[in-house]
């Protein structure tokens, strides 16, 4: 079977391309960059970083508000290293952390902040 020509592929793309989707993705990306400019990242405090507080934190933006241009949904909140919430076995809502980063929330958050300064 013959491959479609480049011209045919371009016509198909032009017919199907939704510029409004790209516009919305760029708008949301701009909101993210305005809320968390690169210079601000090394100074984020835990409360500004964690997901789970129902506030517009860095991780909340990354997971939910960047879907149009960078989808990282799935997996647990441990993917962020530190989060605020409960587990299946412990219903208490509190700061939680991935033990590979340290033995406390503060210790686990420290290397995450260092990554922002690179």
PDB file of N, CA and C in Angstrom:
ATOM      1  N   UNK A   1       0.846  -1.182   0.000  1.00  0.00           N
ATOM      2  CA  UNK A   1       0.000   0.000   0.000  1.00  0.00           C
ATOM      3  C   UNK A   1       0.890   1.244   0.000  1.00  0.00           C
ATOM      4  N   UNK A   2       0.577   2.190  -0.843  1.00  0.00           N
ATOM      5  CA  UNK A   2       1.384   3.403  -0.989  1.00  0.00           C
ATOM      6  C   UNK A   2       1.170   4.338   0.198  1.00  0.00           C
ATOM      7  N   UNK A   3       2.245   4.981   0.599  1.00  0.00           N
ATOM      8  CA  UNK A   3       2.191   5.974   1.673  1.00  0.00           C
ATOM      9  C   UNK A   3       1.535   7.247   1.133  1.00  0.00           C
ATOM     10  N   UNK A   4       0.725   7.930   1.976  1.00  0.00           N
ATOM     11  CA  UNK A   4       0.153   9.200   1.515  1.00  0.00           C
ATOM     12  C   UNK A   4       1.263  10.224   1.270  1.00  0.00           C
ATOM     13  N   UNK A   5       1.030  11.074   0.327  1.00  0.00           N
ATOM     14  CA  UNK A   5       2.025  12.095   0.016  1.00  0.00           C
ATOM     15  C   UNK A   5       2.088  13.126   1.143  1.00  0.00           C
ATOM     16  N   UNK A   6       3.180  13.852   1.168  1.00  0.00           N
ATOM     17  CA  UNK A   6       3.343  14.913   2.165  1.00  0.00           C
ATOM     18  C   UNK A   6       2.221  15.935   2.024  1.00  0.00           C
ATOM     19  N   UNK A   7       1.853  16.246   0.800  1.00  0.00           N
ATOM     20  CA  UNK A   7       0.779  17.214   0.562  1.00  0.00           C
ATOM     21  C   UNK A   7      -0.544  16.701   1.145  1.00  0.00           C
ATOM     22  N   UNK A   8      -0.829  15.435   0.978  1.00  0.00           N
ATOM     23  CA  UNK A   8      -2.056  14.840   1.528  1.00  0.00           C
ATOM     24  C   UNK A   8      -2.026  14.873   3.047  1.00  0.00           C
ATOM     25  N   UNK A   9      -0.886  14.534   3.621  1.00  0.00           N
ATOM     26  CA  UNK A   9      -0.747  14.571   5.081  1.00  0.00           C
ATOM     27  C   UNK A   9      -0.942  15.977   5.618  1.00  0.00           C
ATOM     28  N   UNK A  10      -0.372  16.975   4.950  1.00  0.00           N
ATOM     29  CA  UNK A  10      -0.514  18.366   5.386  1.00  0.00           C
ATOM     30  C   UNK A  10      -1.964  18.839   5.279  1.00  0.00           C
ATOM     31  N   UNK A  11      -2.655  18.447   4.236  1.00  0.00           N
ATOM     32  CA  UNK A  11      -4.068  18.821   4.088  1.00  0.00           C
ATOM     33  C   UNK A  11      -4.905  18.189   5.200  1.00  0.00           C
ATOM     34  N   UNK A  12      -4.613  16.942   5.531  1.00  0.00           N
ATOM     35  CA  UNK A  12      -5.327  16.261   6.614  1.00  0.00           C
ATOM     36  C   UNK A  12      -5.057  16.961   7.944  1.00  0.00           C
ATOM     37  N   UNK A  13      -3.790  17.288   8.190  1.00  0.00           N
ATOM     38  CA  UNK A  13      -3.426  17.988   9.417  1.00  0.00           C
ATOM     39  C   UNK A  13      -4.147  19.331   9.501  1.00  0.00           C
ATOM     40  N   UNK A  14      -4.121  20.104   8.433  1.00  0.00           N
ATOM     41  CA  UNK A  14      -4.778  21.417   8.428  1.00  0.00           C
ATOM     42  C   UNK A  14      -6.276  21.290   8.695  1.00  0.00           C
ATOM     43  N   UNK A  15      -6.895  20.259   8.166  1.00  0.00           N
ATOM     44  CA  UNK A  15      -8.332  20.070   8.355  1.00  0.00           C
ATOM     45  C   UNK A  15      -8.667  19.679   9.789  1.00  0.00           C
ATOM     46  N   UNK A  16      -7.767  18.952  10.439  1.00  0.00           N
ATOM     47  CA  UNK A  16      -8.041  18.432  11.783  1.00  0.00           C
ATOM     48  C   UNK A  16      -7.464  19.280  12.912  1.00  0.00           C
ATOM     49  N   UNK A  17      -6.512  20.142  12.605  1.00  0.00           N
ATOM     50  CA  UNK A  17      -5.840  20.924  13.641  1.00  0.00           C
ATOM     51  C   UNK A  17      -6.807  21.886  14.310  1.00  0.00           C
ATOM     52  N   UNK A  18      -6.804  21.887  15.637  1.00  0.00           N
ATOM     53  CA  UNK A  18      -7.680  22.763  16.414  1.00  0.00           C
ATOM     54  C   UNK A  18      -6.827  23.840  17.070  1.00  0.00           C
ATOM     55  N   UNK A  19      -6.805  25.006  16.463  1.00  0.00           N
ATOM     56  CA  UNK A  19      -5.978  26.109  16.977  1.00  0.00           C
ATOM     57  C   UNK A  19      -6.443  26.554  18.354  1.00  0.00           C
ATOM     58  N   UNK A  20      -7.737  26.406  18.655  1.00  0.00           N
ATOM     59  CA  UNK A  20      -8.229  26.836  19.964  1.00  0.00           C
ATOM     60  C   UNK A  20      -7.636  25.984  21.082  1.00  0.00           C
ATOM     61  N   UNK A  21      -7.371  24.710  20.805  1.00  0.00           N
ATOM     62  CA  UNK A  21      -6.726  23.836  21.789  1.00  0.00           C
ATOM     63  C   UNK A  21      -5.322  24.355  22.097  1.00  0.00           C
ATOM     64  N   UNK A  22      -4.584  24.693  21.067  1.00  0.00           N
ATOM     65  CA  UNK A  22      -3.229  25.224  21.245  1.00  0.00           C
ATOM     66  C   UNK A  22      -3.266  26.562  21.971  1.00  0.00           C
ATOM     67  N   UNK A  23      -4.238  27.393  21.636  1.00  0.00           N
ATOM     68  CA  UNK A  23      -4.372  28.692  22.316  1.00  0.00           C
ATOM     69  C   UNK A  23      -4.639  28.498  23.806  1.00  0.00           C
ATOM     70  N   UNK A  24      -5.522  27.567  24.131  1.00  0.00           N
ATOM     71  CA  UNK A  24      -5.833  27.299  25.532  1.00  0.00           C
ATOM     72  C   UNK A  24      -4.613  26.726  26.255  1.00  0.00           C
ATOM     73  N   UNK A  25      -3.896  25.828  25.598  1.00  0.00           N
ATOM     74  CA  UNK A  25      -2.684  25.254  26.200  1.00  0.00           C
ATOM     75  C   UNK A  25      -1.664  26.351  26.475  1.00  0.00           C
ATOM     76  N   UNK A  26      -1.484  27.252  25.554  1.00  0.00           N
ATOM     77  CA  UNK A  26      -0.524  28.354  25.744  1.00  0.00           C
ATOM     78  C   UNK A  26      -0.973  29.299  26.858  1.00  0.00           C
ATOM     79  N   UNK A  27      -2.282  29.530  26.966  1.00  0.00           N
ATOM     80  CA  UNK A  27      -2.798  30.395  28.033  1.00  0.00           C
ATOM     81  C   UNK A  27      -2.527  29.776  29.398  1.00  0.00           C
ATOM     82  N   UNK A  28      -2.815  28.486  29.529  1.00  0.00           N
ATOM     83  CA  UNK A  28      -2.607  27.796  30.804  1.00  0.00           C
ATOM     84  C   UNK A  28      -1.116  27.718  31.121  1.00  0.00           C
ATOM     85  N   UNK A  29      -0.298  27.492  30.112  1.00  0.00           N
ATOM     86  CA  UNK A  29       1.153  27.475  30.318  1.00  0.00           C
ATOM     87  C   UNK A  29       1.631  28.830  30.821  1.00  0.00           C
ATOM     88  N   UNK A  30       1.087  29.896  30.253  1.00  0.00           N
ATOM     89  CA  UNK A  30       1.434  31.247  30.707  1.00  0.00           C
ATOM     90  C   UNK A  30       1.029  31.483  32.150  1.00  0.00           C
ATOM     91  N   UNK A  31      -0.141  30.978  32.539  1.00  0.00           N
ATOM     92  CA  UNK A  31      -0.589  31.110  33.931  1.00  0.00           C
ATOM     93  C   UNK A  31       0.374  30.389  34.870  1.00  0.00           C
ATOM     94  N   UNK A  32       0.805  29.207  34.463  1.00  0.00           N
ATOM     95  CA  UNK A  32       1.749  28.442  35.272  1.00  0.00           C
ATOM     96  C   UNK A  32       3.066  29.200  35.426  1.00  0.00           C
ATOM     97  N   UNK A  33       3.600  29.704  34.320  1.00  0.00           N
ATOM     98  CA  UNK A  33       4.877  30.420  34.359  1.00  0.00           C
ATOM     99  C   UNK A  33       4.770  31.728  35.150  1.00  0.00           C
ATOM    100  N   UNK A  34       3.614  32.357  35.106  1.00  0.00           N
ATOM    101  CA  UNK A  34       3.416  33.574  35.886  1.00  0.00           C
ATOM    102  C   UNK A  34       3.343  33.251  37.381  1.00  0.00           C
ATOM    103  N   UNK A  35       2.656  32.171  37.720  1.00  0.00           N
ATOM    104  CA  UNK A  35       2.518  31.777  39.131  1.00  0.00           C
ATOM    105  C   UNK A  35       3.830  31.245  39.701  1.00  0.00           C
ATOM    106  N   UNK A  36       4.620  30.570  38.872  1.00  0.00           N
ATOM    107  CA  UNK A  36       5.858  29.953  39.346  1.00  0.00           C
ATOM    108  C   UNK A  36       7.011  30.242  38.389  1.00  0.00           C
ATOM    109  N   UNK A  37       7.446  31.501  38.337  1.00  0.00           N
ATOM    110  CA  UNK A  37       8.591  31.817  37.474  1.00  0.00           C
ATOM    111  C   UNK A  37       9.843  31.092  37.958  1.00  0.00           C
ATOM    112  N   UNK A  38      10.711  30.811  37.041  1.00  0.00           N
ATOM    113  CA  UNK A  38      11.926  30.044  37.330  1.00  0.00           C
ATOM    114  C   UNK A  38      12.711  30.612  38.502  1.00  0.00           C
ATOM    115  N   UNK A  39      12.815  31.912  38.594  1.00  0.00           N
ATOM    116  CA  UNK A  39      13.583  32.541  39.681  1.00  0.00           C
ATOM    117  C   UNK A  39      12.961  32.275  41.052  1.00  0.00           C
ATOM    118  N   UNK A  40      11.664  32.034  41.100  1.00  0.00           N
ATOM    119  CA  UNK A  40      10.978  31.823  42.372  1.00  0.00           C
ATOM    120  C   UNK A  40      11.147  30.395  42.906  1.00  0.00           C
ATOM    121  N   UNK A  41      11.381  29.442  42.021  1.00  0.00           N
ATOM    122  CA  UNK A  41      11.368  28.033  42.417  1.00  0.00           C
ATOM    123  C   UNK A  41      12.332  27.664  43.541  1.00  0.00           C
ATOM    124  N   UNK A  42      13.578  28.164  43.553  1.00  0.00           N
ATOM    125  CA  UNK A  42      14.478  27.783  44.650  1.00  0.00           C
ATOM    126  C   UNK A  42      14.015  28.260  46.025  1.00  0.00           C
ATOM    127  N   UNK A  43      13.094  29.228  46.057  1.00  0.00           N
ATOM    128  CA  UNK A  43      12.634  29.777  47.329  1.00  0.00           C
ATOM    129  C   UNK A  43      11.263  29.266  47.758  1.00  0.00           C
ATOM    130  N   UNK A  44      10.719  28.305  47.021  1.00  0.00           N
ATOM    131  CA  UNK A  44       9.416  27.767  47.406  1.00  0.00           C
ATOM    132  C   UNK A  44       9.493  27.149  48.795  1.00  0.00           C
ATOM    133  N   UNK A  45       8.448  27.384  49.557  1.00  0.00           N
ATOM    134  CA  UNK A  45       8.343  26.714  50.847  1.00  0.00           C
ATOM    135  C   UNK A  45       7.432  25.503  50.669  1.00  0.00           C
ATOM    136  N   UNK A  46       7.468  24.615  51.633  1.00  0.00           N
ATOM    137  CA  UNK A  46       6.715  23.364  51.556  1.00  0.00           C
ATOM    138  C   UNK A  46       5.249  23.606  51.205  1.00  0.00           C
ATOM    139  N   UNK A  47       4.617  24.560  51.842  1.00  0.00           N
ATOM    140  CA  UNK A  47       3.198  24.833  51.634  1.00  0.00           C
ATOM    141  C   UNK A  47       2.897  25.306  50.217  1.00  0.00           C
ATOM    142  N   UNK A  48       3.878  25.901  49.550  1.00  0.00           N
ATOM    143  CA  UNK A  48       3.696  26.348  48.171  1.00  0.00           C
ATOM    144  C   UNK A  48       3.967  25.228  47.170  1.00  0.00           C
ATOM    145  N   UNK A  49       4.614  24.175  47.620  1.00  0.00           N
ATOM    146  CA  UNK A  49       5.023  23.076  46.753  1.00  0.00           C
ATOM    147  C   UNK A  49       4.021  21.930  46.710  1.00  0.00           C
ATOM    148  N   UNK A  50       3.553  21.450  47.849  1.00  0.00           N
ATOM    149  CA  UNK A  50       2.810  20.184  47.934  1.00  0.00           C
ATOM    150  C   UNK A  50       1.446  20.212  47.270  1.00  0.00           C
ATOM    151  N   UNK A  51       1.065  19.077  46.765  1.00  0.00           N
ATOM    152  CA  UNK A  51      -0.295  18.877  46.275  1.00  0.00           C
ATOM    153  C   UNK A  51      -1.126  18.356  47.442  1.00  0.00           C
ATOM    154  N   UNK A  52      -2.425  18.600  47.398  1.00  0.00           N
ATOM    155  CA  UNK A  52      -3.308  18.053  48.414  1.00  0.00           C
ATOM    156  C   UNK A  52      -3.916  19.081  49.347  1.00  0.00           C
ATOM    157  N   UNK A  53      -3.474  20.325  49.267  1.00  0.00           N
ATOM    158  CA  UNK A  53      -3.971  21.354  50.177  1.00  0.00           C
ATOM    159  C   UNK A  53      -5.201  22.074  49.627  1.00  0.00           C
ATOM    160  N   UNK A  54      -5.588  21.744  48.406  1.00  0.00           N
ATOM    161  CA  UNK A  54      -6.695  22.424  47.716  1.00  0.00           C
ATOM    162  C   UNK A  54      -6.378  23.894  47.449  1.00  0.00           C
ATOM    163  N   UNK A  55      -5.091  24.203  47.367  1.00  0.00           N
ATOM    164  CA  UNK A  55      -4.620  25.549  47.035  1.00  0.00           C
ATOM    165  C   UNK A  55      -3.829  25.459  45.729  1.00  0.00           C
ATOM    166  N   UNK A  56      -3.620  26.574  45.041  1.00  0.00           N
ATOM    167  CA  UNK A  56      -2.881  26.542  43.777  1.00  0.00           C
ATOM    168  C   UNK A  56      -1.369  26.433  43.990  1.00  0.00           C
ATOM    169  N   UNK A  57      -0.919  25.278  44.424  1.00  0.00           N
ATOM    170  CA  UNK A  57       0.499  25.041  44.689  1.00  0.00           C
ATOM    171  C   UNK A  57       1.227  24.599  43.421  1.00  0.00           C
ATOM    172  N   UNK A  58       2.532  24.543  43.500  1.00  0.00           N
ATOM    173  CA  UNK A  58       3.346  24.124  42.368  1.00  0.00           C
ATOM    174  C   UNK A  58       2.909  22.752  41.858  1.00  0.00           C
ATOM    175  N   UNK A  59       2.822  21.775  42.752  1.00  0.00           N
ATOM    176  CA  UNK A  59       2.474  20.412  42.328  1.00  0.00           C
ATOM    177  C   UNK A  59       1.035  20.322  41.828  1.00  0.00           C
ATOM    178  N   UNK A  60       0.128  21.091  42.410  1.00  0.00           N
ATOM    179  CA  UNK A  60      -1.253  21.105  41.930  1.00  0.00           C
ATOM    180  C   UNK A  60      -1.304  21.646  40.498  1.00  0.00           C
ATOM    181  N   UNK A  61      -0.549  22.709  40.241  1.00  0.00           N
ATOM    182  CA  UNK A  61      -0.468  23.244  38.889  1.00  0.00           C
ATOM    183  C   UNK A  61       0.109  22.198  37.942  1.00  0.00           C
ATOM    184  N   UNK A  62       1.225  21.603  38.343  1.00  0.00           N
ATOM    185  CA  UNK A  62       1.901  20.645  37.475  1.00  0.00           C
ATOM    186  C   UNK A  62       0.981  19.483  37.121  1.00  0.00           C
ATOM    187  N   UNK A  63       0.269  18.959  38.096  1.00  0.00           N
ATOM    188  CA  UNK A  63      -0.554  17.789  37.810  1.00  0.00           C
ATOM    189  C   UNK A  63      -1.845  18.131  37.073  1.00  0.00           C
ATOM    190  N   UNK A  64      -2.559  19.121  37.534  1.00  0.00           N
ATOM    191  CA  UNK A  64      -3.893  19.370  36.987  1.00  0.00           C
ATOM    192  C   UNK A  64      -3.958  20.445  35.912  1.00  0.00           C
ATOM    193  N   UNK A  65      -3.192  21.491  36.054  1.00  0.00           N
ATOM    194  CA  UNK A  65      -3.357  22.624  35.149  1.00  0.00           C
ATOM    195  C   UNK A  65      -2.450  22.587  33.932  1.00  0.00           C
ATOM    196  N   UNK A  66      -1.604  21.608  33.826  1.00  0.00           N
ATOM    197  CA  UNK A  66      -0.734  21.536  32.655  1.00  0.00           C
ATOM    198  C   UNK A  66      -1.143  20.408  31.710  1.00  0.00           C
ATOM    199  N   UNK A  67      -2.303  19.817  31.940  1.00  0.00           N
ATOM    200  CA  UNK A  67      -2.745  18.677  31.131  1.00  0.00           C
ATOM    201  C   UNK A  67      -2.721  18.928  29.638  1.00  0.00           C
ATOM    202  N   UNK A  68      -3.002  20.141  29.230  1.00  0.00           N
ATOM    203  CA  UNK A  68      -3.063  20.439  27.799  1.00  0.00           C
ATOM    204  C   UNK A  68      -1.700  20.426  27.125  1.00  0.00           C
ATOM    205  N   UNK A  69      -0.639  20.604  27.887  1.00  0.00           N
ATOM    206  CA  UNK A  69       0.692  20.656  27.272  1.00  0.00           C
ATOM    207  C   UNK A  69       1.722  19.779  27.954  1.00  0.00           C
ATOM    208  N   UNK A  70       1.394  19.165  29.091  1.00  0.00           N
ATOM    209  CA  UNK A  70       2.351  18.282  29.769  1.00  0.00           C
ATOM    210  C   UNK A  70       1.582  17.388  30.734  1.00  0.00           C
ATOM    211  N   UNK A  71       1.094  16.282  30.271  1.00  0.00           N
ATOM    212  CA  UNK A  71       0.239  15.432  31.084  1.00  0.00           C
ATOM    213  C   UNK A  71       1.055  14.473  31.941  1.00  0.00           C
ATOM    214  N   UNK A  72       0.968  14.632  33.278  1.00  0.00           N
ATOM    215  CA  UNK A  72       1.646  13.706  34.179  1.00  0.00           C
ATOM    216  C   UNK A  72       0.664  13.040  35.130  1.00  0.00           C
ATOM    217  N   UNK A  73      -0.619  13.061  34.762  1.00  0.00           N
ATOM    218  CA  UNK A  73      -1.616  12.414  35.614  1.00  0.00           C
ATOM    219  C   UNK A  73      -1.309  10.928  35.745  1.00  0.00           C
ATOM    220  N   UNK A  74      -1.762  10.371  36.825  1.00  0.00           N
ATOM    221  CA  UNK A  74      -1.523   8.962  37.077  1.00  0.00           C
ATOM    222  C   UNK A  74      -0.497   8.812  38.178  1.00  0.00           C
ATOM    223  N   UNK A  75      -0.319   7.617  38.608  1.00  0.00           N
ATOM    224  CA  UNK A  75       0.564   7.312  39.735  1.00  0.00           C
ATOM    225  C   UNK A  75       0.048   8.039  40.982  1.00  0.00           C
ATOM    226  N   UNK A  76       0.726   7.874  42.054  1.00  0.00           N
ATOM    227  CA  UNK A  76       0.295   8.497  43.307  1.00  0.00           C
ATOM    228  C   UNK A  76       0.998   9.838  43.488  1.00  0.00           C
ATOM    229  N   UNK A  77       0.594  10.546  44.508  1.00  0.00           N
ATOM    230  CA  UNK A  77       1.216  11.835  44.803  1.00  0.00           C
ATOM    231  C   UNK A  77       2.659  11.686  45.278  1.00  0.00           C
ATOM    232  N   UNK A  78       3.078  10.471  45.584  1.00  0.00           N
ATOM    233  CA  UNK A  78       4.475  10.242  45.961  1.00  0.00           C
ATOM    234  C   UNK A  78       5.427  10.603  44.824  1.00  0.00           C
ATOM    235  N   UNK A  79       4.911  10.709  43.594  1.00  0.00           N
ATOM    236  CA  UNK A  79       5.776  11.095  42.474  1.00  0.00           C
ATOM    237  C   UNK A  79       6.392  12.472  42.687  1.00  0.00           C
ATOM    238  N   UNK A  80       5.765  13.286  43.563  1.00  0.00           N
ATOM    239  CA  UNK A  80       6.279  14.620  43.863  1.00  0.00           C
ATOM    240  C   UNK A  80       7.274  14.620  45.021  1.00  0.00           C
ATOM    241  N   UNK A  81       7.463  13.482  45.657  1.00  0.00           N
ATOM    242  CA  UNK A  81       8.400  13.391  46.775  1.00  0.00           C
ATOM    243  C   UNK A  81       7.764  13.710  48.108  1.00  0.00           C
ATOM    244  N   UNK A  82       6.934  14.750  48.141  1.00  0.00           N
ATOM    245  CA  UNK A  82       6.235  15.178  49.352  1.00  0.00           C
ATOM    246  C   UNK A  82       4.822  15.595  48.932  1.00  0.00           C
ATOM    247  N   UNK A  83       3.839  15.239  49.737  1.00  0.00           N
ATOM    248  CA  UNK A  83       2.477  15.696  49.477  1.00  0.00           C
ATOM    249  C   UNK A  83       1.703  15.816  50.775  1.00  0.00           C
ATOM    250  N   UNK A  84       0.497  16.369  50.683  1.00  0.00           N
ATOM    251  CA  UNK A  84      -0.361  16.545  51.841  1.00  0.00           C
ATOM    252  C   UNK A  84      -1.617  15.708  51.608  1.00  0.00           C
ATOM    253  N   UNK A  85      -1.856  14.749  52.485  1.00  0.00           N
ATOM    254  CA  UNK A  85      -3.030  13.908  52.296  1.00  0.00           C
ATOM    255  C   UNK A  85      -3.021  12.686  53.179  1.00  0.00           C
ATOM    256  N   UNK A  86      -3.759  11.670  52.742  1.00  0.00           N
ATOM    257  CA  UNK A  86      -3.888  10.426  53.492  1.00  0.00           C
ATOM    258  C   UNK A  86      -3.415   9.261  52.626  1.00  0.00           C
ATOM    259  N   UNK A  87      -3.367   8.104  53.217  1.00  0.00           N
ATOM    260  CA  UNK A  87      -3.055   6.885  52.473  1.00  0.00           C
ATOM    261  C   UNK A  87      -4.209   5.904  52.653  1.00  0.00           C
ATOM    262  N   UNK A  88      -4.143   4.802  51.938  1.00  0.00           N
ATOM    263  CA  UNK A  88      -5.174   3.774  52.082  1.00  0.00           C
ATOM    264  C   UNK A  88      -5.213   3.217  53.502  1.00  0.00           C
ATOM    265  N   UNK A  89      -4.067   3.119  54.128  1.00  0.00           N
ATOM    266  CA  UNK A  89      -4.001   2.517  55.465  1.00  0.00           C
ATOM    267  C   UNK A  89      -4.042   3.524  56.601  1.00  0.00           C
ATOM    268  N   UNK A  90      -3.890   4.813  56.298  1.00  0.00           N
ATOM    269  CA  UNK A  90      -3.923   5.851  57.334  1.00  0.00           C
ATOM    270  C   UNK A  90      -4.791   7.012  56.856  1.00  0.00           C
ATOM    271  N   UNK A  91      -6.013   7.138  57.377  1.00  0.00           N
ATOM    272  CA  UNK A  91      -6.918   8.179  56.911  1.00  0.00           C
ATOM    273  C   UNK A  91      -6.581   9.595  57.381  1.00  0.00           C
ATOM    274  N   UNK A  92      -5.610   9.715  58.293  1.00  0.00           N
ATOM    275  CA  UNK A  92      -5.255  11.037  58.800  1.00  0.00           C
ATOM    276  C   UNK A  92      -4.603  11.865  57.682  1.00  0.00           C
ATOM    277  N   UNK A  93      -5.095  13.090  57.502  1.00  0.00           N
ATOM    278  CA  UNK A  93      -4.541  13.999  56.488  1.00  0.00           C
ATOM    279  C   UNK A  93      -3.369  14.741  57.110  1.00  0.00           C
ATOM    280  N   UNK A  94      -2.201  14.564  56.504  1.00  0.00           N
ATOM    281  CA  UNK A  94      -0.985  15.199  56.999  1.00  0.00           C
ATOM    282  C   UNK A  94       0.058  15.207  55.889  1.00  0.00           C
ATOM    283  N   UNK A  95       1.193  15.875  56.146  1.00  0.00           N
ATOM    284  CA  UNK A  95       2.293  15.846  55.180  1.00  0.00           C
ATOM    285  C   UNK A  95       2.856  14.434  55.121  1.00  0.00           C
ATOM    286  N   UNK A  96       3.095  13.975  53.912  1.00  0.00           N
ATOM    287  CA  UNK A  96       3.649  12.641  53.688  1.00  0.00           C
ATOM    288  C   UNK A  96       4.833  12.791  52.746  1.00  0.00           C
ATOM    289  N   UNK A  97       5.715  11.819  52.758  1.00  0.00           N
ATOM    290  CA  UNK A  97       6.913  11.933  51.930  1.00  0.00           C
ATOM    291  C   UNK A  97       7.386  10.569  51.467  1.00  0.00           C
ATOM    292  N   UNK A  98       8.126  10.578  50.388  1.00  0.00           N
ATOM    293  CA  UNK A  98       8.754   9.363  49.870  1.00  0.00           C
ATOM    294  C   UNK A  98      10.026   9.130  50.678  1.00  0.00           C
ATOM    295  N   UNK A  99      10.114   8.001  51.317  1.00  0.00           N
ATOM    296  CA  UNK A  99      11.238   7.716  52.216  1.00  0.00           C
ATOM    297  C   UNK A  99      12.589   7.654  51.498  1.00  0.00           C
ATOM    298  N   UNK A 100      12.573   7.524  50.192  1.00  0.00           N
ATOM    299  CA  UNK A 100      13.858   7.521  49.473  1.00  0.00           C
ATOM    300  C   UNK A 100      14.540   8.888  49.544  1.00  0.00           C
ATOM    301  N   UNK A 101      13.772   9.941  49.907  1.00  0.00           N
ATOM    302  CA  UNK A 101      14.335  11.283  50.018  1.00  0.00           C
ATOM    303  C   UNK A 101      14.762  11.658  51.423  1.00  0.00           C
ATOM    304  N   UNK A 102      14.371  10.885  52.421  1.00  0.00           N
ATOM    305  CA  UNK A 102      14.763  11.220  53.783  1.00  0.00           C
ATOM    306  C   UNK A 102      13.860  10.579  54.806  1.00  0.00           C
ATOM    307  N   UNK A 103      14.097  10.930  56.062  1.00  0.00           N
ATOM    308  CA  UNK A 103      13.349  10.334  57.166  1.00  0.00           C
ATOM    309  C   UNK A 103      12.309  11.276  57.776  1.00  0.00           C
ATOM    310  N   UNK A 104      12.147  12.460  57.198  1.00  0.00           N
ATOM    311  CA  UNK A 104      11.144  13.411  57.661  1.00  0.00           C
ATOM    312  C   UNK A 104      10.680  14.225  56.459  1.00  0.00           C
ATOM    313  N   UNK A 105       9.575  14.927  56.625  1.00  0.00           N
ATOM    314  CA  UNK A 105       9.067  15.777  55.548  1.00  0.00           C
ATOM    315  C   UNK A 105      10.111  16.822  55.174  1.00  0.00           C
ATOM    316  N   UNK A 106      10.686  17.465  56.178  1.00  0.00           N
ATOM    317  CA  UNK A 106      11.680  18.511  55.922  1.00  0.00           C
ATOM    318  C   UNK A 106      12.906  17.951  55.196  1.00  0.00           C
ATOM    319  N   UNK A 107      13.365  16.798  55.643  1.00  0.00           N
ATOM    320  CA  UNK A 107      14.532  16.172  55.027  1.00  0.00           C
ATOM    321  C   UNK A 107      14.228  15.740  53.594  1.00  0.00           C
ATOM    322  N   UNK A 108      13.017  15.272  53.364  1.00  0.00           N
ATOM    323  CA  UNK A 108      12.629  14.843  52.017  1.00  0.00           C
ATOM    324  C   UNK A 108      12.432  16.028  51.078  1.00  0.00           C
ATOM    325  N   UNK A 109      11.965  17.149  51.604  1.00  0.00           N
ATOM    326  CA  UNK A 109      11.722  18.327  50.782  1.00  0.00           C
ATOM    327  C   UNK A 109      13.020  19.029  50.372  1.00  0.00           C
ATOM    328  N   UNK A 110      14.023  18.960  51.188  1.00  0.00           N
ATOM    329  CA  UNK A 110      15.288  19.669  50.926  1.00  0.00           C
ATOM    330  C   UNK A 110      15.884  19.340  49.554  1.00  0.00           C
ATOM    331  N   UNK A 111      16.056  18.070  49.173  1.00  0.00           N
ATOM    332  CA  UNK A 111      16.648  17.812  47.855  1.00  0.00           C
ATOM    333  C   UNK A 111      15.731  18.208  46.707  1.00  0.00           C
ATOM    334  N   UNK A 112      14.437  18.239  46.928  1.00  0.00           N
ATOM    335  CA  UNK A 112      13.517  18.679  45.890  1.00  0.00           C
ATOM    336  C   UNK A 112      13.736  20.152  45.601  1.00  0.00           C
ATOM    337  N   UNK A 113      13.910  20.951  46.633  1.00  0.00           N
ATOM    338  CA  UNK A 113      14.174  22.373  46.447  1.00  0.00           C
ATOM    339  C   UNK A 113      15.516  22.595  45.750  1.00  0.00           C
ATOM    340  N   UNK A 114      16.500  21.786  46.092  1.00  0.00           N
ATOM    341  CA  UNK A 114      17.817  21.928  45.471  1.00  0.00           C
ATOM    342  C   UNK A 114      17.737  21.711  43.959  1.00  0.00           C
ATOM    343  N   UNK A 115      16.864  20.831  43.526  1.00  0.00           N
ATOM    344  CA  UNK A 115      16.720  20.580  42.085  1.00  0.00           C
ATOM    345  C   UNK A 115      16.263  21.823  41.351  1.00  0.00           C
ATOM    346  N   UNK A 116      15.505  22.684  42.015  1.00  0.00           N
ATOM    347  CA  UNK A 116      15.029  23.898  41.386  1.00  0.00           C
ATOM    348  C   UNK A 116      16.137  24.914  41.193  1.00  0.00           C
ATOM    349  N   UNK A 117      17.204  24.803  41.933  1.00  0.00           N
ATOM    350  CA  UNK A 117      18.273  25.802  41.844  1.00  0.00           C
ATOM    351  C   UNK A 117      19.280  25.456  40.762  1.00  0.00           C
ATOM    352  N   UNK A 118      19.085  24.374  40.098  1.00  0.00           N
ATOM    353  CA  UNK A 118      20.026  23.965  39.032  1.00  0.00           C
ATOM    354  C   UNK A 118      19.721  24.696  37.752  1.00  0.00           C
TER     355      UNK A 118
END
